[in-house]
Amino acid sequence: MHEFRIAACFLVIATLFFGAVQTRAQDPQAGDAEKPKPAARSYPPVGVLDQDPSGDQDSAPPLQPDTRPLTGIQILTLGSPVNLHSYWQSGFQYSNLIRSTALNQVSATGWNSTSYVTGNLSLLESWSHSQLAVNYSGGGYFSTDSDQGNGNFQQFALAQTFEWRRWQLALIDQFSYLPEASFGFGVGTGISIPGTGGSLGAPLPGMQDNYQPGQSIFTSVGPRYTNSFTTQAVYVLSPRSTFNVAGSYGILRFVEAGNVPSNDTIFNVGYNYAVSKRNVIGVLYRFTAFRYLDNPQALNSHEVHAAFGRKITGRLALQLFVGPEITTFRVPIGTATQQVTGSGGAALNYVWGTNNLSLTYSRGLSNGSGLLVGSTTDRVQTNIQSRLSRHWEGNVNFGYARNASLDNSSESQIAQTYNSYFAGGGLSRPLSRSATFSLGYWAQVQYSQEPVCAAGTCSTRHWQQQVILGFSWNTRPFVLR
């Protein structure tokens, strides 16, 4: 635990440092719950990293209130800019990650270097009653780590939304092909997010963790690809209440043997009621089915959650969920055919002055992240961004995931628990309106109940450090109309 204490201390010190940065007061904008508005378009956190390098804080675009349903599939946003044009933007990024341990090793093997060369593309098409947002990033990596070698990676996100007087419809697809688990991948660099990013990049879907295939165990072996397709419809019942229904289908596949591929099917239905201009309550039911290739086990989950949300445009977006979860097993685990636990989640996005805090938490049944046939998963991630001076900006990241096998008495599955942590921070400086230089440090730790074997070595601890250097360049947006 010594390494984790070091990472935790680093996070606390950096958080206190950013909190000491002088902030300026902002006037919150209240959302209007008395009149239905168009569906909110996903808008990245109003972070200082998206601001003009000249330091002009007044250049940020005005925001319209977020109207995503509290019990829907997406995280609430701080608001969305009024998009008057359709445009596309491209970019280039180079990132060098210097690691202390080989990617598929569980013990120290010496420092190695991996370079990522990435091309980015974002497209935003807006019509009077619909919007299409496309984000893509892809490229190659070249590594001195013989276990990782050279290869390619791809990430893609598409969101098509339609708006009518009382109806809203969203079609969302997300795909990734990565050399390692997505949890903590590329922290401190832009390679973890598809598209050009920034306030001019096309909006991202902003899906909740529950609607994406789980990948929160570091020692799952080799490259993997995931895809999830989701559809959601929202109906405005009255100026204060809405009803939403959604369905999702996702897959997790691995290139190398030794992992557990899975499929998930999700159905969600919710009701939302605005008790005031800023506060919303709701109730939702979610059904999730996990199926595993070449494995007879099948898991079905039923959740009922009470929900609370609070929104202040440009300042605060908060979601809270809590309720019971009943999971049934096709193949009994030990002597049990079901389990009853608590589940829930939270999402917070908060801006004060030139600082931005985002935090997400979720608890419930997951696919097992490629190493378990289902697991009870707790997962938390947080990010703090701050403008430190006229030209320098900083960020701190922390994540924790606990994946526990469903029953320790199982004879068909080794009882196992994985505790995965990452912590890091970085600095960035714009070189021009189009180019940015960044550097950072990142640490990754995993502890397991039973030894994990990879590349001929076995250990209950996985420890890795990374030093990150990066450069990015984006074109100006090309207006389509």
Protein backbone atom coordinates (compact mmCIF):
# COMPACT_ATOMS: atom_id res chain seq x y z
CA MET A 1 0.00 0.00 0.00
CA HIS A 2 3.05 2.30 0.16
CA GLU A 3 2.74 3.27 -3.51
CA PHE A 4 -0.96 4.00 -3.17
CA ARG A 5 -0.32 6.26 -0.18
CA ILE A 6 2.19 8.19 -2.31
CA ALA A 7 -0.40 8.60 -5.07
CA ALA A 8 -3.08 9.63 -2.57
CA CYS A 9 -0.80 12.21 -1.00
CA PHE A 10 -0.01 13.58 -4.45
CA LEU A 11 -3.75 13.95 -5.15
CA VAL A 12 -4.45 15.74 -1.85
CA ILE A 13 -1.51 18.15 -2.25
CA ALA A 14 -2.44 19.01 -5.82
CA THR A 15 -6.09 19.50 -4.88
CA LEU A 16 -5.16 21.91 -2.09
CA PHE A 17 -2.82 23.73 -4.47
CA PHE A 18 -5.51 24.23 -7.08
CA GLY A 19 -7.99 25.26 -4.40
CA ALA A 20 -5.65 28.05 -3.40
CA VAL A 21 -5.76 29.60 -6.87
CA GLN A 22 -7.60 32.93 -6.78
CA THR A 23 -11.09 32.62 -8.27
CA ARG A 24 -13.58 35.13 -9.54
CA ALA A 25 -17.27 35.12 -8.70
CA GLN A 26 -19.77 34.05 -11.32
CA ASP A 27 -23.48 34.80 -11.50
CA PRO A 28 -25.37 31.48 -11.81
CA GLN A 29 -28.04 31.18 -14.45
CA ALA A 30 -31.19 29.44 -13.32
CA GLY A 31 -32.85 26.91 -15.63
CA ASP A 32 -36.51 27.55 -16.47
CA ALA A 33 -38.63 24.58 -15.42
CA GLU A 34 -41.89 26.31 -16.44
CA LYS A 35 -41.39 25.94 -20.21
CA PRO A 36 -40.13 22.91 -22.22
CA LYS A 37 -36.86 23.55 -24.05
CA PRO A 38 -35.01 21.66 -26.78
CA ALA A 39 -32.95 18.66 -25.68
CA ALA A 40 -29.59 19.71 -24.31
CA ARG A 41 -26.62 19.02 -26.50
CA SER A 42 -23.70 17.42 -24.70
CA TYR A 43 -21.16 20.06 -23.79
CA PRO A 44 -17.79 19.31 -22.24
CA PRO A 45 -17.21 20.78 -18.75
CA VAL A 46 -16.59 24.51 -18.87
CA GLY A 47 -12.96 23.89 -18.05
CA VAL A 48 -10.21 26.43 -18.31
CA LEU A 49 -8.33 24.20 -20.73
CA ASP A 50 -10.84 25.18 -23.41
CA GLN A 51 -10.38 28.92 -23.03
CA ASP A 52 -8.57 31.29 -25.33
CA PRO A 53 -4.77 31.35 -24.75
CA SER A 54 -4.94 35.13 -24.48
CA GLY A 55 -6.62 34.65 -21.11
CA ASP A 56 -9.83 36.46 -22.11
CA GLN A 57 -12.44 34.85 -19.89
CA ASP A 58 -15.25 36.77 -21.57
CA SER A 59 -14.72 34.83 -24.83
CA ALA A 60 -16.60 31.77 -23.53
CA PRO A 61 -19.84 31.18 -25.48
CA PRO A 62 -23.19 31.77 -23.73
CA LEU A 63 -24.96 28.62 -22.57
CA GLN A 64 -28.55 27.47 -22.74
CA PRO A 65 -29.86 25.33 -19.84
CA ASP A 66 -29.39 21.56 -19.93
CA THR A 67 -32.68 19.66 -20.41
CA ARG A 68 -31.46 16.06 -20.38
CA PRO A 69 -33.75 13.85 -18.27
CA LEU A 70 -32.43 13.14 -14.78
CA THR A 71 -33.17 9.41 -15.11
CA GLY A 72 -31.81 9.11 -18.65
CA ILE A 73 -28.71 7.44 -20.04
CA GLN A 74 -26.44 10.52 -20.06
CA ILE A 75 -24.69 12.63 -17.45
CA LEU A 76 -26.19 16.07 -16.89
CA THR A 77 -24.15 18.95 -18.30
CA LEU A 78 -23.50 22.53 -17.25
CA GLY A 79 -25.36 23.70 -20.35
CA SER A 80 -24.88 23.80 -24.10
CA PRO A 81 -23.71 26.59 -26.42
CA VAL A 82 -26.05 27.98 -29.05
CA ASN A 83 -24.68 26.50 -32.28
CA LEU A 84 -25.41 28.81 -35.21
CA HIS A 85 -23.26 26.97 -37.76
CA SER A 86 -22.36 23.50 -38.96
CA TYR A 87 -18.64 22.85 -39.19
CA TRP A 88 -15.85 20.31 -39.06
CA GLN A 89 -12.40 20.44 -37.49
CA SER A 90 -9.33 18.23 -37.71
CA GLY A 91 -6.17 17.90 -35.67
CA PHE A 92 -2.97 16.06 -34.92
CA GLN A 93 -1.47 14.86 -31.64
CA TYR A 94 1.79 13.27 -30.52
CA SER A 95 2.15 11.74 -27.05
CA ASN A 96 5.12 9.94 -25.56
CA LEU A 97 4.53 7.72 -22.51
CA ILE A 98 7.63 6.59 -20.61
CA ARG A 99 6.61 3.61 -18.46
CA SER A 100 8.36 1.92 -15.55
CA THR A 101 6.81 -1.49 -16.28
CA ALA A 102 5.89 -3.38 -19.44
CA LEU A 103 2.19 -3.22 -20.28
CA ASN A 104 1.47 -6.94 -19.84
CA GLN A 105 3.79 -7.52 -16.87
CA VAL A 106 2.77 -7.63 -13.21
CA SER A 107 6.25 -6.84 -11.87
CA ALA A 108 8.98 -4.32 -12.71
CA THR A 109 10.80 -4.98 -15.99
CA GLY A 110 12.59 -1.69 -16.62
CA TRP A 111 11.58 1.56 -18.25
CA ASN A 112 10.19 1.60 -21.78
CA SER A 113 8.80 4.20 -24.15
CA THR A 114 5.61 4.22 -26.24
CA SER A 115 4.77 6.94 -28.76
CA TYR A 116 1.20 7.60 -29.89
CA VAL A 117 0.60 9.44 -33.18
CA THR A 118 -3.03 10.44 -33.47
CA GLY A 119 -5.27 12.06 -36.07
CA ASN A 120 -8.49 13.70 -34.82
CA LEU A 121 -11.69 14.71 -36.58
CA SER A 122 -14.88 16.34 -35.27
CA LEU A 123 -18.03 17.15 -37.24
CA LEU A 124 -21.11 19.08 -36.10
CA GLU A 125 -24.19 19.31 -38.34
CA SER A 126 -27.11 21.34 -36.99
CA TRP A 127 -30.59 21.63 -38.48
CA SER A 128 -33.74 23.26 -37.13
CA HIS A 129 -34.95 20.13 -35.31
CA SER A 130 -31.92 17.83 -35.21
CA GLN A 131 -28.19 17.66 -34.67
CA LEU A 132 -25.44 15.24 -35.68
CA ALA A 133 -22.16 15.14 -33.73
CA VAL A 134 -19.30 12.87 -34.85
CA ASN A 135 -15.93 12.49 -33.12
CA TYR A 136 -13.10 10.22 -34.28
CA SER A 137 -9.51 9.66 -33.19
CA GLY A 138 -7.18 7.03 -34.56
CA GLY A 139 -3.56 6.33 -35.25
CA GLY A 140 -0.63 4.15 -34.37
CA TYR A 141 1.69 3.49 -31.46
CA PHE A 142 5.35 2.45 -31.47
CA SER A 143 6.83 0.93 -28.34
CA THR A 144 10.16 -0.31 -27.04
CA ASP A 145 8.11 -2.66 -24.86
CA SER A 146 8.39 -5.99 -26.68
CA ASP A 147 5.19 -7.27 -25.05
CA GLN A 148 3.18 -4.36 -26.46
CA GLY A 149 5.07 -3.88 -29.73
CA ASN A 150 3.58 -1.67 -32.42
CA GLY A 151 -0.06 -1.38 -33.34
CA ASN A 152 -3.01 0.88 -33.90
CA PHE A 153 -5.94 2.24 -31.87
CA GLN A 154 -9.31 3.72 -32.82
CA GLN A 155 -12.07 5.61 -31.00
CA PHE A 156 -15.37 6.80 -32.42
CA ALA A 157 -18.49 8.48 -30.99
CA LEU A 158 -21.65 9.46 -32.86
CA ALA A 159 -24.75 11.16 -31.47
CA GLN A 160 -27.80 11.99 -33.61
CA THR A 161 -30.57 13.89 -31.81
CA PHE A 162 -34.04 14.96 -32.93
CA GLU A 163 -36.28 17.53 -31.25
CA TRP A 164 -40.01 18.13 -31.66
CA ARG A 165 -42.57 19.98 -29.59
CA ARG A 166 -42.97 17.22 -27.00
CA TRP A 167 -40.63 14.48 -28.20
CA GLN A 168 -36.86 14.07 -28.10
CA LEU A 169 -34.99 11.15 -29.70
CA ALA A 170 -31.29 10.28 -29.40
CA LEU A 171 -29.29 7.65 -31.32
CA ILE A 172 -25.80 7.10 -29.87
CA ASP A 173 -22.98 4.78 -30.91
CA GLN A 174 -19.55 4.47 -29.25
CA PHE A 175 -16.67 2.27 -30.47
CA SER A 176 -13.10 1.79 -29.30
CA TYR A 177 -10.14 -0.43 -30.14
CA LEU A 178 -7.45 0.02 -27.49
CA PRO A 179 -4.23 -1.78 -26.48
CA GLU A 180 -5.24 -1.85 -22.78
CA ALA A 181 -8.15 -1.27 -20.40
CA SER A 182 -9.98 2.00 -21.00
CA PHE A 183 -10.06 2.79 -17.24
CA GLY A 184 -7.28 5.34 -16.83
CA PHE A 185 -6.11 4.99 -20.45
CA GLY A 186 -4.31 8.11 -21.62
CA VAL A 187 -4.98 10.08 -18.42
CA GLY A 188 -3.37 13.50 -18.81
CA THR A 189 -3.42 13.30 -22.62
CA GLY A 190 -6.11 13.83 -25.24
CA ILE A 191 -5.77 10.29 -26.65
CA SER A 192 -8.36 9.01 -24.17
CA ILE A 193 -11.17 11.05 -25.78
CA PRO A 194 -12.25 10.86 -29.45
CA GLY A 195 -12.27 14.01 -31.56
CA THR A 196 -10.43 17.30 -31.40
CA GLY A 197 -11.78 18.22 -27.96
CA GLY A 198 -12.05 21.71 -26.50
CA SER A 199 -15.04 24.01 -26.67
CA LEU A 200 -14.96 23.96 -30.49
CA GLY A 201 -14.96 20.19 -30.78
CA ALA A 202 -18.23 18.41 -31.54
CA PRO A 203 -20.13 17.50 -28.33
CA LEU A 204 -19.58 14.02 -26.88
CA PRO A 205 -22.43 11.69 -25.84
CA GLY A 206 -21.45 11.81 -22.14
CA MET A 207 -22.81 8.34 -21.34
CA GLN A 208 -23.07 7.07 -17.77
CA ASP A 209 -20.73 4.21 -16.80
CA ASN A 210 -23.65 1.75 -16.47
CA TYR A 211 -24.31 1.94 -20.23
CA GLN A 212 -20.76 1.14 -21.36
CA PRO A 213 -18.99 -2.27 -21.26
CA GLY A 214 -16.83 -2.40 -18.12
CA GLN A 215 -13.02 -2.27 -18.47
CA SER A 216 -11.74 -1.40 -15.01
CA ILE A 217 -9.20 -4.20 -14.37
CA PHE A 218 -5.69 -3.28 -15.53
CA THR A 219 -4.34 -6.83 -15.94
CA SER A 220 -6.85 -8.01 -18.54
CA VAL A 221 -4.51 -9.09 -21.33
CA GLY A 222 -3.97 -7.54 -24.73
CA PRO A 223 -5.87 -5.31 -27.17
CA ARG A 224 -9.66 -5.25 -27.01
CA TYR A 225 -12.55 -3.61 -28.80
CA THR A 226 -15.93 -2.48 -27.54
CA ASN A 227 -19.06 -1.08 -29.10
CA SER A 228 -22.30 0.12 -27.57
CA PHE A 229 -25.39 1.37 -29.40
CA THR A 230 -28.09 3.20 -27.45
CA THR A 231 -31.46 4.71 -28.30
CA GLN A 232 -33.43 7.00 -25.99
CA ALA A 233 -36.83 8.69 -26.38
CA VAL A 234 -38.14 11.45 -24.08
CA TYR A 235 -41.73 12.68 -23.92
CA VAL A 236 -42.72 15.94 -22.21
CA LEU A 237 -45.83 15.20 -20.13
CA SER A 238 -46.20 18.72 -18.73
CA PRO A 239 -44.05 21.82 -18.16
CA ARG A 240 -42.68 20.11 -15.03
CA SER A 241 -42.61 16.39 -15.87
CA THR A 242 -41.05 14.11 -18.50
CA PHE A 243 -41.01 10.39 -19.25
CA ASN A 244 -38.02 8.62 -20.87
CA VAL A 245 -37.30 5.13 -22.17
CA ALA A 246 -34.01 3.75 -23.53
CA GLY A 247 -32.43 0.57 -24.82
CA SER A 248 -28.75 -0.32 -25.26
CA TYR A 249 -26.65 -3.19 -26.61
CA GLY A 250 -22.89 -3.48 -26.01
CA ILE A 251 -20.03 -5.92 -26.66
CA LEU A 252 -16.54 -6.46 -25.24
CA ARG A 253 -14.10 -8.57 -27.27
CA PHE A 254 -10.39 -9.41 -26.90
CA VAL A 255 -7.77 -10.14 -29.52
CA GLU A 256 -5.79 -12.51 -27.28
CA ALA A 257 -7.02 -15.62 -25.49
CA GLY A 258 -7.32 -15.82 -21.72
CA ASN A 259 -10.02 -13.17 -21.27
CA VAL A 260 -13.80 -13.35 -20.91
CA PRO A 261 -15.72 -11.70 -23.80
CA SER A 262 -19.24 -10.52 -23.04
CA ASN A 263 -22.42 -8.92 -24.38
CA ASP A 264 -24.81 -6.67 -22.47
CA THR A 265 -28.41 -5.65 -23.13
CA ILE A 266 -29.95 -2.79 -21.13
CA PHE A 267 -33.48 -1.42 -20.84
CA ASN A 268 -34.19 1.78 -18.89
CA VAL A 269 -37.41 3.66 -18.09
CA GLY A 270 -37.72 6.77 -15.92
CA TYR A 271 -40.00 9.58 -14.74
CA ASN A 272 -38.78 13.08 -13.85
CA TYR A 273 -40.48 15.95 -12.01
CA ALA A 274 -39.10 19.48 -11.55
CA VAL A 275 -39.91 20.62 -8.02
CA SER A 276 -38.30 24.01 -8.69
CA LYS A 277 -36.25 25.80 -11.34
CA ARG A 278 -33.08 24.09 -10.13
CA ASN A 279 -34.14 20.84 -8.44
CA VAL A 280 -35.52 17.67 -10.05
CA ILE A 281 -36.57 14.34 -8.56
CA GLY A 282 -37.25 11.10 -10.36
CA VAL A 283 -37.62 7.34 -10.25
CA LEU A 284 -36.18 4.79 -12.69
CA TYR A 285 -36.17 1.08 -13.42
CA ARG A 286 -33.23 -0.53 -15.23
CA PHE A 287 -32.89 -4.11 -16.49
CA THR A 288 -29.44 -5.39 -17.50
CA ALA A 289 -28.60 -8.78 -19.04
CA PHE A 290 -25.00 -10.04 -19.33
CA ARG A 291 -24.15 -12.96 -21.60
CA TYR A 292 -20.72 -14.62 -22.04
CA LEU A 293 -19.30 -16.34 -25.10
CA ASP A 294 -18.59 -20.08 -24.65
CA ASN A 295 -19.86 -19.87 -21.05
CA PRO A 296 -23.29 -21.10 -19.91
CA GLN A 297 -23.63 -18.45 -17.21
CA ALA A 298 -26.17 -15.65 -17.72
CA LEU A 299 -26.77 -12.75 -15.33
CA ASN A 300 -29.90 -10.60 -15.13
CA SER A 301 -30.11 -7.48 -12.98
CA HIS A 302 -33.18 -5.50 -11.88
CA GLU A 303 -32.67 -2.06 -10.32
CA VAL A 304 -35.14 0.50 -8.96
CA HIS A 305 -33.62 3.90 -8.09
CA ALA A 306 -34.83 7.10 -6.53
CA ALA A 307 -33.04 10.07 -8.11
CA PHE A 308 -32.29 13.69 -7.31
CA GLY A 309 -30.74 16.35 -9.54
CA ARG A 310 -29.73 19.99 -9.23
CA LYS A 311 -28.69 22.26 -12.12
CA ILE A 312 -27.33 25.80 -12.26
CA THR A 313 -26.39 26.64 -15.84
CA GLY A 314 -22.66 27.19 -16.25
CA ARG A 315 -22.00 26.47 -12.59
CA LEU A 316 -23.35 23.15 -11.24
CA ALA A 317 -24.78 19.85 -12.45
CA LEU A 318 -25.51 17.13 -9.85
CA GLN A 319 -27.14 13.70 -10.11
CA LEU A 320 -27.73 11.16 -7.30
CA PHE A 321 -29.22 7.65 -7.61
CA VAL A 322 -29.83 4.99 -4.95
CA GLY A 323 -31.91 1.81 -4.65
CA PRO A 324 -31.91 -2.00 -4.47
CA GLU A 325 -30.56 -4.38 -7.10
CA ILE A 326 -31.69 -7.98 -7.58
CA THR A 327 -29.37 -10.22 -9.65
CA THR A 328 -30.34 -13.69 -10.86
CA PHE A 329 -27.94 -16.43 -12.07
CA ARG A 330 -28.77 -18.97 -14.77
CA VAL A 331 -26.09 -21.28 -13.35
CA PRO A 332 -26.21 -21.31 -9.51
CA ILE A 333 -23.17 -19.79 -7.81
CA GLY A 334 -22.52 -22.12 -4.92
CA THR A 335 -26.09 -22.81 -3.83
CA ALA A 336 -27.43 -19.34 -4.69
CA THR A 337 -29.53 -18.45 -7.73
CA GLN A 338 -29.83 -14.75 -6.89
CA GLN A 339 -28.42 -11.98 -4.72
CA VAL A 340 -29.88 -8.73 -3.39
CA THR A 341 -27.58 -5.73 -2.92
CA GLY A 342 -27.65 -1.95 -2.97
CA SER A 343 -26.72 0.01 -6.08
CA GLY A 344 -26.55 3.61 -7.15
CA GLY A 345 -24.44 6.38 -8.56
CA ALA A 346 -23.55 10.04 -8.57
CA ALA A 347 -22.25 12.62 -11.04
CA LEU A 348 -21.03 16.11 -10.19
CA ASN A 349 -19.74 18.90 -12.40
CA TYR A 350 -18.92 22.12 -10.57
CA VAL A 351 -17.22 25.32 -11.74
CA TRP A 352 -15.90 28.08 -9.51
CA GLY A 353 -13.87 30.89 -11.03
CA THR A 354 -11.34 29.33 -13.39
CA ASN A 355 -11.52 25.92 -11.72
CA ASN A 356 -13.59 22.89 -12.75
CA LEU A 357 -14.31 19.77 -10.70
CA SER A 358 -15.93 16.68 -12.23
CA LEU A 359 -16.67 13.48 -10.32
CA THR A 360 -18.56 10.27 -11.10
CA TYR A 361 -19.39 7.24 -8.94
CA SER A 362 -21.26 4.04 -9.68
CA ARG A 363 -22.01 0.80 -7.84
CA GLY A 364 -23.71 -2.32 -9.14
CA LEU A 365 -23.41 -5.42 -11.29
CA SER A 366 -20.95 -5.23 -14.20
CA ASN A 367 -19.67 -7.62 -16.87
CA GLY A 368 -16.48 -8.50 -14.94
CA SER A 369 -14.09 -6.40 -17.10
CA GLY A 370 -12.82 -9.41 -19.05
CA LEU A 371 -11.40 -11.37 -16.10
CA LEU A 372 -14.52 -12.33 -14.11
CA VAL A 373 -17.86 -13.80 -15.14
CA GLY A 374 -19.75 -10.88 -13.64
CA SER A 375 -18.67 -8.77 -10.69
CA THR A 376 -19.98 -6.32 -8.13
CA THR A 377 -18.22 -3.11 -9.08
CA ASP A 378 -17.58 0.17 -7.27
CA ARG A 379 -16.05 2.81 -9.50
CA VAL A 380 -15.12 6.44 -8.88
CA GLN A 381 -13.29 8.97 -11.07
CA THR A 382 -12.51 12.61 -10.45
CA ASN A 383 -10.77 15.37 -12.36
CA ILE A 384 -9.81 18.90 -11.34
CA GLN A 385 -8.77 21.52 -13.89
CA SER A 386 -7.44 24.97 -13.06
CA ARG A 387 -5.87 27.98 -14.76
CA LEU A 388 -2.67 28.58 -12.80
CA SER A 389 -1.52 31.68 -14.66
CA ARG A 390 -2.08 33.55 -17.90
CA HIS A 391 -0.46 30.75 -19.93
CA TRP A 392 -0.24 27.67 -17.68
CA GLU A 393 -3.08 25.32 -16.85
CA GLY A 394 -3.08 22.27 -14.59
CA ASN A 395 -5.11 19.14 -13.95
CA VAL A 396 -5.29 16.36 -11.34
CA ASN A 397 -6.91 12.96 -11.99
CA PHE A 398 -7.81 10.11 -9.66
CA GLY A 399 -9.70 6.86 -10.19
CA TYR A 400 -10.56 3.78 -8.16
CA ALA A 401 -12.42 0.60 -9.13
CA ARG A 402 -13.19 -2.47 -7.05
CA ASN A 403 -14.32 -5.60 -8.89
CA ALA A 404 -15.38 -8.53 -6.67
CA SER A 405 -16.54 -11.94 -7.89
CA LEU A 406 -20.22 -12.51 -7.18
CA ASP A 407 -19.87 -15.24 -4.54
CA ASN A 408 -16.78 -16.41 -2.66
CA SER A 409 -18.24 -19.90 -2.30
CA SER A 410 -18.31 -20.44 -6.06
CA GLU A 411 -16.68 -23.66 -7.24
CA SER A 412 -16.75 -22.72 -10.93
CA GLN A 413 -15.00 -19.39 -10.47
CA ILE A 414 -11.99 -18.59 -8.28
CA ALA A 415 -12.91 -16.09 -5.58
CA GLN A 416 -11.16 -12.91 -6.59
CA THR A 417 -11.21 -9.19 -5.87
CA TYR A 418 -9.36 -6.56 -7.89
CA ASN A 419 -8.66 -3.09 -6.48
CA SER A 420 -7.45 -0.75 -9.23
CA TYR A 421 -6.18 2.80 -8.69
CA PHE A 422 -4.74 5.54 -10.87
CA ALA A 423 -3.59 9.02 -9.88
CA GLY A 424 -1.76 11.74 -11.73
CA GLY A 425 -1.54 15.33 -12.80
CA GLY A 426 -0.19 17.52 -15.52
CA LEU A 427 0.50 20.97 -16.90
CA SER A 428 -0.24 22.42 -20.33
CA ARG A 429 0.71 25.61 -22.12
CA PRO A 430 -0.71 26.93 -25.40
CA LEU A 431 2.00 27.69 -27.96
CA SER A 432 -0.51 29.46 -30.22
CA ARG A 433 -4.25 29.47 -30.82
CA SER A 434 -3.88 26.08 -32.52
CA ALA A 435 -1.01 24.32 -30.73
CA THR A 436 -0.52 23.15 -27.13
CA PHE A 437 2.35 21.55 -25.21
CA SER A 438 1.67 19.31 -22.19
CA LEU A 439 3.55 17.22 -19.64
CA GLY A 440 2.42 15.07 -16.74
CA TYR A 441 2.91 12.16 -14.34
CA TRP A 442 0.63 9.18 -13.83
CA ALA A 443 0.73 6.15 -11.48
CA GLN A 444 -1.26 2.94 -11.70
CA VAL A 445 -1.66 0.36 -8.91
CA GLN A 446 -3.68 -2.85 -8.73
CA TYR A 447 -4.04 -5.25 -5.81
CA SER A 448 -5.77 -8.62 -6.13
CA GLN A 449 -6.89 -11.23 -3.63
CA GLU A 450 -5.30 -14.03 -5.62
CA PRO A 451 -2.09 -13.82 -7.71
CA VAL A 452 -2.45 -12.62 -11.30
CA CYS A 453 -0.14 -14.25 -13.85
CA ALA A 454 1.04 -12.47 -16.99
CA ALA A 455 4.01 -13.11 -19.29
CA GLY A 456 5.26 -15.91 -17.04
CA THR A 457 5.20 -13.99 -13.73
CA CYS A 458 2.59 -14.03 -10.98
CA SER A 459 1.87 -11.41 -8.33
CA THR A 460 -0.96 -9.94 -6.23
CA ARG A 461 0.33 -6.44 -6.99
CA HIS A 462 0.67 -4.50 -10.24
CA TRP A 463 2.52 -1.17 -10.14
CA GLN A 464 3.34 1.18 -13.00
CA GLN A 465 4.50 4.78 -13.34
CA GLN A 466 4.35 6.98 -16.44
CA VAL A 467 5.89 10.27 -17.48
CA ILE A 468 3.92 11.93 -20.28
CA LEU A 469 5.02 14.48 -22.89
CA GLY A 470 2.61 15.70 -25.53
CA PHE A 471 1.98 18.11 -28.37
CA SER A 472 -1.34 18.80 -30.11
CA TRP A 473 -2.41 20.96 -33.04
CA ASN A 474 -5.90 21.65 -34.40
CA THR A 475 -7.11 23.48 -37.47
CA ARG A 476 -9.64 26.26 -37.19
CA PRO A 477 -13.24 25.08 -37.72
CA PHE A 478 -14.32 24.85 -41.37
CA VAL A 479 -17.85 26.23 -41.57
CA LEU A 480 -20.22 24.15 -43.72
CA ARG A 481 -23.13 26.57 -43.57
